Amino acid sequence: MLNALTGNRRLARTSKTPGRTQMINCFSVASGGRLVDLPGYGFARVAKSTAAGWQRQVDRYFAERANLAAVVLVMDIRHPFEPLDRALIDWARLAHMRLHVLLNKADKLGRGRQREALARAATALAGDGLSVQLFSATSGLGRAELVARLRGWLGAEAD
């Protein structure tokens, strides 16, 4: 997703195996600010102790980042609102943090099922400044919308 967003295929290392992001990775953006990739989300098949360590690291990151402008939660459109997703959404609501959900891999569904998934997610996220959109790192669907949102959050002017 980061590579698709930035148009730089070499920015973030990728793997077909979930769970390869095992540390907090920061990427500076030209307009100022940083994009941060956090470990522990998705379908990583790792030991429970490893996952718990990642969760502590992520929890500490969120608790100590006074300059955190917003959070983008990437969910697989076919498996939305997993327990960790719900926990992050609940935290964002309690912290009054801007949260934008990407329903990634939208290219895996037809347009009708995409619209249905988007409508269900929008209903689940209604209120509290939370938002959602369709996204596909493969096809580029939603890239321009996400770039505009991030630039707005970072106070940068659009091209």
N, C-alpha and C. Protein backbone atom coordinates (compact mmCIF):
# COMPACT_ATOMS: atom_id res chain seq x y z
N MET A 1 0.83 -1.18 0.00
CA MET A 1 0.00 0.00 0.00
C MET A 1 0.88 1.25 0.00
N LEU A 2 1.92 1.28 0.82
CA LEU A 2 2.83 2.44 0.85
C LEU A 2 3.50 2.65 -0.50
N ASN A 3 3.92 1.58 -1.13
CA ASN A 3 4.56 1.69 -2.43
C ASN A 3 3.59 2.22 -3.48
N ALA A 4 2.36 1.73 -3.45
CA ALA A 4 1.34 2.21 -4.39
C ALA A 4 1.02 3.68 -4.13
N LEU A 5 0.93 4.04 -2.88
CA LEU A 5 0.61 5.42 -2.51
C LEU A 5 1.67 6.40 -3.00
N THR A 6 2.92 6.04 -2.79
CA THR A 6 4.01 6.95 -3.13
C THR A 6 4.49 6.82 -4.56
N GLY A 7 4.11 5.74 -5.23
CA GLY A 7 4.61 5.50 -6.58
C GLY A 7 6.05 5.04 -6.60
N ASN A 8 6.55 4.61 -5.45
CA ASN A 8 7.93 4.15 -5.32
C ASN A 8 7.91 2.67 -4.93
N ARG A 9 8.16 1.81 -5.90
CA ARG A 9 8.09 0.37 -5.66
C ARG A 9 9.12 -0.13 -4.65
N ARG A 10 10.14 0.67 -4.39
CA ARG A 10 11.22 0.23 -3.50
C ARG A 10 11.17 0.89 -2.12
N LEU A 11 10.14 1.67 -1.86
CA LEU A 11 10.07 2.36 -0.58
C LEU A 11 9.96 1.38 0.57
N ALA A 12 8.95 0.54 0.55
CA ALA A 12 8.73 -0.44 1.60
C ALA A 12 8.94 -1.83 1.02
N ARG A 13 9.69 -2.64 1.72
CA ARG A 13 9.89 -4.01 1.28
C ARG A 13 8.58 -4.77 1.42
N THR A 14 8.31 -5.62 0.47
CA THR A 14 7.06 -6.38 0.49
C THR A 14 7.35 -7.87 0.44
N SER A 15 6.34 -8.63 0.86
CA SER A 15 6.43 -10.08 0.84
C SER A 15 5.03 -10.64 0.67
N LYS A 16 4.94 -11.79 0.08
CA LYS A 16 3.65 -12.46 -0.05
C LYS A 16 3.22 -13.05 1.30
N THR A 17 4.15 -13.18 2.22
CA THR A 17 3.87 -13.75 3.53
C THR A 17 3.50 -12.65 4.51
N PRO A 18 2.29 -12.70 5.08
CA PRO A 18 1.89 -11.69 6.06
C PRO A 18 2.79 -11.73 7.30
N GLY A 19 2.93 -10.59 7.94
CA GLY A 19 3.68 -10.53 9.19
C GLY A 19 5.14 -10.19 9.04
N ARG A 20 5.55 -9.70 7.88
CA ARG A 20 6.95 -9.37 7.67
C ARG A 20 7.34 -8.03 8.30
N THR A 21 6.37 -7.13 8.48
CA THR A 21 6.67 -5.87 9.17
C THR A 21 6.75 -6.19 10.65
N GLN A 22 7.97 -6.13 11.20
CA GLN A 22 8.16 -6.53 12.58
C GLN A 22 8.69 -5.40 13.46
N MET A 23 8.87 -4.23 12.85
CA MET A 23 9.31 -3.05 13.60
C MET A 23 8.50 -1.86 13.10
N ILE A 24 8.56 -0.77 13.84
CA ILE A 24 7.94 0.47 13.39
C ILE A 24 8.84 1.07 12.32
N ASN A 25 8.31 1.29 11.13
CA ASN A 25 9.07 1.84 10.01
C ASN A 25 8.52 3.21 9.65
N CYS A 26 9.38 4.23 9.63
CA CYS A 26 8.98 5.60 9.31
C CYS A 26 9.50 5.98 7.93
N PHE A 27 8.65 6.68 7.18
CA PHE A 27 8.99 7.13 5.84
C PHE A 27 8.68 8.62 5.76
N SER A 28 9.69 9.46 5.53
CA SER A 28 9.48 10.90 5.38
C SER A 28 8.83 11.19 4.04
N VAL A 29 7.94 12.18 4.02
CA VAL A 29 7.30 12.59 2.78
C VAL A 29 7.75 13.99 2.43
N ALA A 30 7.78 14.29 1.14
CA ALA A 30 8.34 15.55 0.65
C ALA A 30 7.63 16.77 1.23
N SER A 31 6.33 16.66 1.46
CA SER A 31 5.56 17.82 1.94
C SER A 31 5.69 18.01 3.45
N GLY A 32 6.47 17.19 4.09
CA GLY A 32 6.62 17.24 5.54
C GLY A 32 5.83 16.12 6.18
N GLY A 33 6.20 15.78 7.37
CA GLY A 33 5.52 14.70 8.06
C GLY A 33 6.10 13.35 7.68
N ARG A 34 5.50 12.32 8.24
CA ARG A 34 5.96 10.96 8.01
C ARG A 34 4.78 10.02 7.87
N LEU A 35 4.99 8.99 7.10
CA LEU A 35 4.08 7.85 7.07
C LEU A 35 4.75 6.77 7.90
N VAL A 36 3.98 6.10 8.74
CA VAL A 36 4.55 5.10 9.64
C VAL A 36 3.83 3.77 9.43
N ASP A 37 4.61 2.74 9.20
CA ASP A 37 4.08 1.39 9.02
C ASP A 37 4.30 0.65 10.33
N LEU A 38 3.21 0.10 10.88
CA LEU A 38 3.27 -0.56 12.18
C LEU A 38 3.15 -2.07 12.03
N PRO A 39 3.82 -2.82 12.88
CA PRO A 39 3.74 -4.28 12.82
C PRO A 39 2.49 -4.80 13.52
N GLY A 40 2.17 -6.06 13.22
CA GLY A 40 1.19 -6.76 14.03
C GLY A 40 -0.22 -6.77 13.52
N TYR A 41 -0.48 -6.22 12.35
CA TYR A 41 -1.84 -6.24 11.83
C TYR A 41 -1.91 -7.20 10.66
N GLY A 42 -3.10 -7.69 10.39
CA GLY A 42 -3.29 -8.58 9.27
C GLY A 42 -3.26 -10.03 9.69
N PHE A 43 -2.85 -10.87 8.78
CA PHE A 43 -2.94 -12.30 8.98
C PHE A 43 -1.58 -12.92 9.29
N ALA A 44 -0.77 -12.24 10.05
CA ALA A 44 0.56 -12.75 10.38
C ALA A 44 0.43 -14.05 11.17
N ARG A 45 1.16 -15.05 10.75
CA ARG A 45 1.18 -16.31 11.48
C ARG A 45 2.48 -16.34 12.28
N VAL A 46 2.39 -15.82 13.49
CA VAL A 46 3.56 -15.76 14.37
C VAL A 46 3.14 -16.26 15.75
N ALA A 47 4.12 -16.52 16.58
CA ALA A 47 3.85 -16.96 17.95
C ALA A 47 3.05 -15.88 18.69
N LYS A 48 2.20 -16.32 19.60
CA LYS A 48 1.38 -15.38 20.37
C LYS A 48 2.25 -14.39 21.13
N SER A 49 3.40 -14.85 21.62
CA SER A 49 4.29 -13.95 22.36
C SER A 49 4.84 -12.86 21.44
N THR A 50 5.13 -13.21 20.19
CA THR A 50 5.61 -12.23 19.22
C THR A 50 4.53 -11.20 18.92
N ALA A 51 3.32 -11.68 18.66
CA ALA A 51 2.20 -10.78 18.39
C ALA A 51 1.93 -9.87 19.59
N ALA A 52 2.03 -10.41 20.79
CA ALA A 52 1.81 -9.60 22.00
C ALA A 52 2.89 -8.53 22.12
N GLY A 53 4.11 -8.86 21.76
CA GLY A 53 5.20 -7.87 21.78
C GLY A 53 4.95 -6.76 20.79
N TRP A 54 4.49 -7.11 19.59
CA TRP A 54 4.15 -6.10 18.59
C TRP A 54 3.04 -5.21 19.11
N GLN A 55 2.03 -5.82 19.74
CA GLN A 55 0.90 -5.04 20.24
C GLN A 55 1.35 -4.05 21.31
N ARG A 56 2.24 -4.47 22.19
CA ARG A 56 2.77 -3.54 23.22
C ARG A 56 3.53 -2.39 22.56
N GLN A 57 4.30 -2.70 21.54
CA GLN A 57 5.06 -1.69 20.81
C GLN A 57 4.12 -0.69 20.14
N VAL A 58 3.09 -1.18 19.49
CA VAL A 58 2.11 -0.32 18.82
C VAL A 58 1.34 0.51 19.84
N ASP A 59 0.91 -0.12 20.93
CA ASP A 59 0.19 0.61 21.99
C ASP A 59 1.03 1.76 22.53
N ARG A 60 2.31 1.48 22.78
CA ARG A 60 3.22 2.52 23.29
C ARG A 60 3.39 3.63 22.26
N TYR A 61 3.49 3.27 20.99
CA TYR A 61 3.63 4.27 19.93
C TYR A 61 2.42 5.22 19.95
N PHE A 62 1.22 4.66 19.97
CA PHE A 62 0.02 5.49 19.97
C PHE A 62 -0.08 6.33 21.23
N ALA A 63 0.29 5.78 22.36
CA ALA A 63 0.18 6.51 23.63
C ALA A 63 1.17 7.67 23.73
N GLU A 64 2.34 7.53 23.11
CA GLU A 64 3.42 8.52 23.28
C GLU A 64 3.58 9.49 22.13
N ARG A 65 2.85 9.36 21.06
CA ARG A 65 3.01 10.21 19.88
C ARG A 65 2.10 11.42 19.96
N ALA A 66 2.54 12.46 20.60
CA ALA A 66 1.74 13.68 20.73
C ALA A 66 1.52 14.36 19.38
N ASN A 67 2.43 14.16 18.44
CA ASN A 67 2.32 14.80 17.13
C ASN A 67 1.63 13.93 16.08
N LEU A 68 1.01 12.86 16.50
CA LEU A 68 0.29 11.98 15.58
C LEU A 68 -0.91 12.73 15.02
N ALA A 69 -0.93 12.91 13.69
CA ALA A 69 -1.98 13.70 13.05
C ALA A 69 -3.22 12.88 12.73
N ALA A 70 -3.04 11.62 12.38
CA ALA A 70 -4.17 10.78 11.97
C ALA A 70 -3.66 9.35 11.80
N VAL A 71 -4.60 8.44 11.67
CA VAL A 71 -4.28 7.03 11.47
C VAL A 71 -5.01 6.53 10.23
N VAL A 72 -4.30 5.79 9.40
CA VAL A 72 -4.91 5.10 8.26
C VAL A 72 -4.85 3.62 8.58
N LEU A 73 -6.00 3.01 8.65
CA LEU A 73 -6.11 1.59 8.93
C LEU A 73 -6.40 0.87 7.62
N VAL A 74 -5.52 -0.06 7.26
CA VAL A 74 -5.68 -0.81 6.02
C VAL A 74 -6.32 -2.16 6.37
N MET A 75 -7.52 -2.37 5.84
CA MET A 75 -8.23 -3.63 6.06
C MET A 75 -8.44 -4.32 4.71
N ASP A 76 -8.34 -5.61 4.70
CA ASP A 76 -8.68 -6.39 3.51
C ASP A 76 -10.20 -6.31 3.36
N ILE A 77 -10.67 -5.86 2.21
CA ILE A 77 -12.10 -5.68 1.99
C ILE A 77 -12.87 -6.99 2.18
N ARG A 78 -12.19 -8.11 2.00
CA ARG A 78 -12.84 -9.41 2.13
C ARG A 78 -12.91 -9.88 3.57
N HIS A 79 -12.11 -9.24 4.46
CA HIS A 79 -12.06 -9.63 5.88
C HIS A 79 -12.02 -8.37 6.75
N PRO A 80 -13.03 -7.51 6.66
CA PRO A 80 -12.98 -6.27 7.43
C PRO A 80 -13.34 -6.48 8.90
N PHE A 81 -12.91 -5.53 9.69
CA PHE A 81 -13.29 -5.47 11.10
C PHE A 81 -12.90 -6.71 11.89
N GLU A 82 -11.65 -7.11 11.70
CA GLU A 82 -11.08 -8.16 12.54
C GLU A 82 -10.88 -7.58 13.94
N PRO A 83 -10.65 -8.41 14.96
CA PRO A 83 -10.53 -7.89 16.33
C PRO A 83 -9.51 -6.75 16.50
N LEU A 84 -8.34 -6.86 15.87
CA LEU A 84 -7.35 -5.77 16.00
C LEU A 84 -7.84 -4.50 15.32
N ASP A 85 -8.57 -4.65 14.21
CA ASP A 85 -9.15 -3.49 13.53
C ASP A 85 -10.11 -2.78 14.47
N ARG A 86 -10.99 -3.55 15.09
CA ARG A 86 -11.99 -2.98 16.01
C ARG A 86 -11.31 -2.29 17.19
N ALA A 87 -10.24 -2.90 17.70
CA ALA A 87 -9.53 -2.30 18.83
C ALA A 87 -8.94 -0.95 18.43
N LEU A 88 -8.36 -0.86 17.25
CA LEU A 88 -7.79 0.41 16.80
C LEU A 88 -8.88 1.45 16.56
N ILE A 89 -10.00 1.03 16.02
CA ILE A 89 -11.13 1.95 15.80
C ILE A 89 -11.64 2.47 17.14
N ASP A 90 -11.78 1.58 18.12
CA ASP A 90 -12.23 2.00 19.45
C ASP A 90 -11.24 2.99 20.07
N TRP A 91 -9.94 2.71 19.92
CA TRP A 91 -8.93 3.63 20.45
C TRP A 91 -9.05 5.00 19.79
N ALA A 92 -9.21 5.02 18.47
CA ALA A 92 -9.31 6.30 17.74
C ALA A 92 -10.52 7.09 18.23
N ARG A 93 -11.61 6.42 18.45
CA ARG A 93 -12.81 7.11 18.96
C ARG A 93 -12.54 7.70 20.34
N LEU A 94 -11.96 6.92 21.22
CA LEU A 94 -11.70 7.39 22.59
C LEU A 94 -10.67 8.52 22.61
N ALA A 95 -9.70 8.45 21.72
CA ALA A 95 -8.63 9.45 21.67
C ALA A 95 -9.00 10.65 20.81
N HIS A 96 -10.19 10.62 20.19
CA HIS A 96 -10.62 11.68 19.27
C HIS A 96 -9.59 11.87 18.16
N MET A 97 -9.07 10.75 17.68
CA MET A 97 -8.06 10.74 16.62
C MET A 97 -8.75 10.55 15.27
N ARG A 98 -8.30 11.32 14.28
CA ARG A 98 -8.81 11.10 12.92
C ARG A 98 -8.36 9.72 12.46
N LEU A 99 -9.30 8.98 11.91
CA LEU A 99 -9.01 7.64 11.42
C LEU A 99 -9.66 7.48 10.06
N HIS A 100 -8.88 7.02 9.11
CA HIS A 100 -9.38 6.75 7.77
C HIS A 100 -9.11 5.29 7.45
N VAL A 101 -10.15 4.57 7.07
CA VAL A 101 -10.04 3.15 6.77
C VAL A 101 -9.95 2.94 5.27
N LEU A 102 -8.94 2.17 4.87
CA LEU A 102 -8.82 1.75 3.48
C LEU A 102 -9.32 0.33 3.37
N LEU A 103 -10.32 0.12 2.55
CA LEU A 103 -10.77 -1.23 2.24
C LEU A 103 -9.93 -1.70 1.06
N ASN A 104 -8.76 -2.25 1.38
CA ASN A 104 -7.78 -2.63 0.38
C ASN A 104 -8.17 -3.93 -0.32
N LYS A 105 -7.55 -4.16 -1.45
CA LYS A 105 -7.80 -5.33 -2.29
C LYS A 105 -9.21 -5.27 -2.88
N ALA A 106 -9.72 -4.06 -3.08
CA ALA A 106 -11.05 -3.89 -3.66
C ALA A 106 -11.12 -4.49 -5.06
N ASP A 107 -9.99 -4.57 -5.74
CA ASP A 107 -9.96 -5.16 -7.08
C ASP A 107 -10.34 -6.63 -7.07
N LYS A 108 -10.34 -7.26 -5.92
CA LYS A 108 -10.69 -8.68 -5.81
C LYS A 108 -12.21 -8.90 -5.85
N LEU A 109 -12.98 -7.82 -5.74
CA LEU A 109 -14.44 -7.91 -5.74
C LEU A 109 -15.00 -7.15 -6.94
N GLY A 110 -16.19 -7.56 -7.38
CA GLY A 110 -16.89 -6.82 -8.42
C GLY A 110 -17.42 -5.50 -7.88
N ARG A 111 -17.83 -4.60 -8.75
CA ARG A 111 -18.28 -3.27 -8.33
C ARG A 111 -19.45 -3.32 -7.35
N GLY A 112 -20.39 -4.21 -7.57
CA GLY A 112 -21.54 -4.31 -6.68
C GLY A 112 -21.13 -4.71 -5.27
N ARG A 113 -20.27 -5.70 -5.16
CA ARG A 113 -19.80 -6.13 -3.84
C ARG A 113 -18.90 -5.08 -3.20
N GLN A 114 -18.16 -4.33 -4.01
CA GLN A 114 -17.36 -3.22 -3.48
C GLN A 114 -18.28 -2.19 -2.82
N ARG A 115 -19.33 -1.80 -3.54
CA ARG A 115 -20.27 -0.80 -3.01
C ARG A 115 -20.94 -1.29 -1.72
N GLU A 116 -21.32 -2.57 -1.70
CA GLU A 116 -21.93 -3.14 -0.50
C GLU A 116 -20.98 -3.09 0.69
N ALA A 117 -19.72 -3.50 0.47
CA ALA A 117 -18.72 -3.49 1.54
C ALA A 117 -18.46 -2.07 2.02
N LEU A 118 -18.40 -1.13 1.10
CA LEU A 118 -18.18 0.27 1.47
C LEU A 118 -19.35 0.80 2.29
N ALA A 119 -20.57 0.49 1.88
CA ALA A 119 -21.75 0.95 2.62
C ALA A 119 -21.79 0.35 4.03
N ARG A 120 -21.49 -0.94 4.16
CA ARG A 120 -21.47 -1.57 5.49
C ARG A 120 -20.40 -0.93 6.37
N ALA A 121 -19.22 -0.69 5.81
CA ALA A 121 -18.14 -0.09 6.60
C ALA A 121 -18.48 1.34 6.98
N ALA A 122 -19.06 2.10 6.07
CA ALA A 122 -19.43 3.49 6.37
C ALA A 122 -20.46 3.54 7.50
N THR A 123 -21.39 2.61 7.51
CA THR A 123 -22.38 2.54 8.58
C THR A 123 -21.70 2.21 9.91
N ALA A 124 -20.79 1.25 9.89
CA ALA A 124 -20.09 0.85 11.12
C ALA A 124 -19.20 1.96 11.66
N LEU A 125 -18.72 2.83 10.80
CA LEU A 125 -17.80 3.89 11.21
C LEU A 125 -18.47 5.25 11.36
N ALA A 126 -19.77 5.31 11.20
CA ALA A 126 -20.48 6.60 11.21
C ALA A 126 -20.15 7.41 12.46
N GLY A 127 -19.92 8.70 12.24
CA GLY A 127 -19.66 9.62 13.35
C GLY A 127 -18.21 9.64 13.78
N ASP A 128 -17.92 10.50 14.72
CA ASP A 128 -16.61 10.60 15.36
C ASP A 128 -15.46 10.93 14.41
N GLY A 129 -15.72 11.47 13.24
CA GLY A 129 -14.65 11.86 12.33
C GLY A 129 -13.94 10.69 11.66
N LEU A 130 -14.56 9.51 11.68
CA LEU A 130 -13.96 8.35 11.03
C LEU A 130 -14.47 8.28 9.59
N SER A 131 -13.61 7.85 8.68
CA SER A 131 -13.98 7.80 7.27
C SER A 131 -13.46 6.51 6.65
N VAL A 132 -13.98 6.20 5.47
CA VAL A 132 -13.62 4.95 4.81
C VAL A 132 -13.65 5.15 3.30
N GLN A 133 -12.84 4.38 2.60
CA GLN A 133 -12.84 4.41 1.15
C GLN A 133 -12.38 3.07 0.60
N LEU A 134 -12.69 2.86 -0.67
CA LEU A 134 -12.19 1.70 -1.39
C LEU A 134 -10.75 1.98 -1.81
N PHE A 135 -9.93 0.93 -1.86
CA PHE A 135 -8.55 1.09 -2.26
C PHE A 135 -8.05 -0.20 -2.87
N SER A 136 -7.16 -0.08 -3.83
CA SER A 136 -6.46 -1.23 -4.39
C SER A 136 -5.04 -0.82 -4.70
N ALA A 137 -4.11 -1.40 -3.99
CA ALA A 137 -2.70 -1.14 -4.27
C ALA A 137 -2.33 -1.66 -5.65
N THR A 138 -3.00 -2.69 -6.11
CA THR A 138 -2.70 -3.29 -7.41
C THR A 138 -3.19 -2.43 -8.56
N SER A 139 -4.45 -2.00 -8.51
CA SER A 139 -5.03 -1.26 -9.64
C SER A 139 -4.90 0.26 -9.51
N GLY A 140 -4.61 0.75 -8.32
CA GLY A 140 -4.53 2.19 -8.10
C GLY A 140 -5.86 2.82 -7.71
N LEU A 141 -6.90 2.01 -7.59
CA LEU A 141 -8.21 2.51 -7.18
C LEU A 141 -8.09 3.23 -5.83
N GLY A 142 -8.57 4.46 -5.77
CA GLY A 142 -8.60 5.22 -4.53
C GLY A 142 -7.31 5.96 -4.18
N ARG A 143 -6.28 5.80 -4.99
CA ARG A 143 -4.99 6.43 -4.68
C ARG A 143 -5.11 7.95 -4.61
N ALA A 144 -5.74 8.57 -5.61
CA ALA A 144 -5.85 10.03 -5.64
C ALA A 144 -6.63 10.54 -4.43
N GLU A 145 -7.70 9.84 -4.07
CA GLU A 145 -8.49 10.24 -2.90
C GLU A 145 -7.66 10.17 -1.62
N LEU A 146 -6.87 9.12 -1.47
CA LEU A 146 -6.03 8.99 -0.29
C LEU A 146 -4.95 10.05 -0.25
N VAL A 147 -4.30 10.31 -1.38
CA VAL A 147 -3.26 11.34 -1.44
C VAL A 147 -3.84 12.69 -1.02
N ALA A 148 -5.02 13.03 -1.53
CA ALA A 148 -5.65 14.31 -1.18
C ALA A 148 -5.93 14.38 0.32
N ARG A 149 -6.43 13.30 0.89
CA ARG A 149 -6.72 13.29 2.33
C ARG A 149 -5.44 13.45 3.15
N LEU A 150 -4.40 12.73 2.80
CA LEU A 150 -3.13 12.82 3.53
C LEU A 150 -2.53 14.22 3.41
N ARG A 151 -2.58 14.79 2.23
CA ARG A 151 -2.05 16.14 2.06
C ARG A 151 -2.83 17.14 2.90
N GLY A 152 -4.12 16.96 2.97
CA GLY A 152 -4.95 17.82 3.82
C GLY A 152 -4.54 17.69 5.28
N TRP A 153 -4.32 16.47 5.73
CA TRP A 153 -3.91 16.25 7.11
C TRP A 153 -2.54 16.84 7.40
N LEU A 154 -1.65 16.76 6.42
CA LEU A 154 -0.29 17.27 6.62
C LEU A 154 -0.17 18.75 6.31
N GLY A 155 -1.29 19.37 5.89
CA GLY A 155 -1.29 20.81 5.60
C GLY A 155 -0.57 21.17 4.33
N ALA A 156 -0.43 20.20 3.42
CA ALA A 156 0.27 20.46 2.16
C ALA A 156 -0.74 20.84 1.09
N GLU A 157 -0.31 21.62 0.15
CA GLU A 157 -1.16 21.98 -0.99
C GLU A 157 -1.16 20.85 -1.99
N ALA A 158 -2.31 20.65 -2.63
CA ALA A 158 -2.41 19.61 -3.66
C ALA A 158 -1.71 20.08 -4.92
N ASP A 159 -1.20 19.13 -5.70
CA ASP A 159 -0.56 19.47 -6.99
C ASP A 159 -1.55 20.08 -7.94
